[in-house]
Amino acid sequence: MQWLTQNWIWIVFAIGVFLLMRRGGMGHGRSHGNDGPAQHHEDSSDSQSKDPVSGERVNPETAVNVMYQGRVYYFASRENREKFEASPAQYAASATGRHHRRHGC
């Protein structure tokens, strides 16, 4: 019991870190690559965002997300996030309405 009273601050700190990691604030979990405040790529008054892979409307509070080139993208599933990560330029261009011109034949 004496150990517990002497080390209570470290225990509270460890619990806090654990909760942050479970929530996705620090780990490789749900919010892969999220290093800053959430930036919605849709109208900020809208509580829904569009999944760039499937086109589905998703709730940013519960959606899987990833940061790419300083912007947060939200996904309906982990599979959609994995497809995005395999070819992010393709999906990011369609999500923002910008298309890259290809050079060559």
Protein backbone atom coordinates (compact mmCIF):
# COMPACT_ATOMS: atom_id res chain seq x y z
CA MET A 1 0.00 0.00 0.00
CA GLN A 2 2.92 2.34 0.68
CA TRP A 3 4.20 1.83 -2.87
CA LEU A 4 0.80 2.85 -4.23
CA THR A 5 0.68 6.10 -2.24
CA GLN A 6 4.24 7.00 -3.26
CA ASN A 7 3.72 6.29 -6.98
CA TRP A 8 0.14 7.38 -7.57
CA ILE A 9 1.12 10.12 -10.03
CA TRP A 10 2.92 7.61 -12.30
CA ILE A 11 -0.06 5.28 -12.18
CA VAL A 12 -2.40 8.11 -13.22
CA PHE A 13 0.02 9.10 -16.00
CA ALA A 14 0.20 5.51 -17.29
CA ILE A 15 -3.60 5.23 -17.31
CA GLY A 16 -3.84 8.51 -19.23
CA VAL A 17 -1.35 7.33 -21.86
CA PHE A 18 -3.21 4.04 -22.18
CA LEU A 19 -6.53 5.83 -22.72
CA LEU A 20 -5.02 8.16 -25.32
CA MET A 21 -3.60 5.21 -27.23
CA ARG A 22 -6.91 3.34 -27.15
CA ARG A 23 -8.72 6.40 -28.42
CA GLY A 24 -6.24 6.70 -31.29
CA GLY A 25 -4.50 9.89 -30.24
CA MET A 26 -0.95 8.48 -30.16
CA GLY A 27 -0.78 5.00 -31.63
CA HIS A 28 -0.96 3.30 -35.00
CA GLY A 29 -4.59 2.48 -34.33
CA ARG A 30 -7.65 4.21 -35.62
CA SER A 31 -6.23 7.65 -36.35
CA HIS A 32 -3.21 6.65 -38.36
CA GLY A 33 -1.05 9.71 -38.90
CA ASN A 34 -3.20 12.23 -37.07
CA ASP A 35 -0.69 14.74 -35.65
CA GLY A 36 -2.85 17.81 -35.25
CA PRO A 37 -6.36 19.07 -34.88
CA ALA A 38 -8.91 17.41 -37.12
CA GLN A 39 -9.31 19.25 -40.38
CA HIS A 40 -12.50 18.42 -42.22
CA HIS A 41 -12.19 18.36 -45.97
CA GLU A 42 -15.91 19.04 -46.23
CA ASP A 43 -17.86 22.04 -45.00
CA SER A 44 -17.05 22.38 -41.27
CA SER A 45 -20.74 22.95 -40.43
CA ASP A 46 -21.48 19.49 -41.84
CA SER A 47 -21.13 16.67 -39.28
CA GLN A 48 -20.50 14.16 -42.08
CA SER A 49 -17.49 13.73 -44.36
CA LYS A 50 -17.11 11.78 -47.57
CA ASP A 51 -14.99 8.64 -47.82
CA PRO A 52 -12.67 9.29 -50.82
CA VAL A 53 -12.57 5.59 -51.74
CA SER A 54 -16.25 4.56 -51.55
CA GLY A 55 -17.93 7.97 -51.67
CA GLU A 56 -19.96 7.11 -48.56
CA ARG A 57 -20.81 9.76 -45.99
CA VAL A 58 -19.07 9.02 -42.67
CA ASN A 59 -19.10 10.58 -39.21
CA PRO A 60 -15.61 12.00 -38.49
CA GLU A 61 -16.02 11.25 -34.77
CA THR A 62 -16.26 7.49 -35.38
CA ALA A 63 -14.54 7.07 -38.76
CA VAL A 64 -11.13 5.58 -39.47
CA ASN A 65 -8.81 8.36 -40.64
CA VAL A 66 -5.38 9.15 -42.03
CA MET A 67 -3.41 12.33 -42.62
CA TYR A 68 -2.01 12.83 -46.12
CA GLN A 69 -0.17 15.99 -47.17
CA GLY A 70 -1.41 17.94 -44.14
CA ARG A 71 -5.06 16.97 -44.60
CA VAL A 72 -7.20 14.46 -42.73
CA TYR A 73 -9.24 11.97 -44.77
CA TYR A 74 -12.03 9.88 -43.20
CA PHE A 75 -12.99 6.35 -44.21
CA ALA A 76 -15.96 4.06 -43.69
CA SER A 77 -13.68 1.05 -43.09
CA ARG A 78 -10.07 0.01 -42.57
CA GLU A 79 -10.14 -1.66 -45.98
CA ASN A 80 -10.93 1.70 -47.61
CA ARG A 81 -8.08 3.32 -45.69
CA GLU A 82 -5.71 0.60 -46.90
CA LYS A 83 -6.80 1.17 -50.53
CA PHE A 84 -6.20 4.91 -50.05
CA GLU A 85 -2.75 4.30 -48.55
CA ALA A 86 -1.83 2.08 -51.52
CA SER A 87 -2.53 4.92 -53.98
CA PRO A 88 -3.15 8.16 -52.04
CA ALA A 89 -2.62 10.58 -54.93
CA GLN A 90 -5.39 8.94 -56.95
CA TYR A 91 -7.99 9.18 -54.19
CA ALA A 92 -6.86 12.54 -52.78
CA ALA A 93 -7.22 14.15 -56.22
CA SER A 94 -10.78 12.89 -56.60
CA ALA A 95 -11.67 13.90 -53.02
CA THR A 96 -10.50 17.48 -53.51
CA GLY A 97 -11.75 17.82 -57.07
CA ARG A 98 -8.21 18.35 -58.39
CA HIS A 99 -6.85 16.04 -61.04
CA HIS A 100 -3.20 15.72 -61.93
CA ARG A 101 -2.21 15.91 -65.57
CA ARG A 102 -0.12 13.02 -66.80
CA HIS A 103 2.75 13.62 -69.17
CA GLY A 104 3.62 11.29 -72.00
CA CYS A 105 1.67 9.10 -74.41
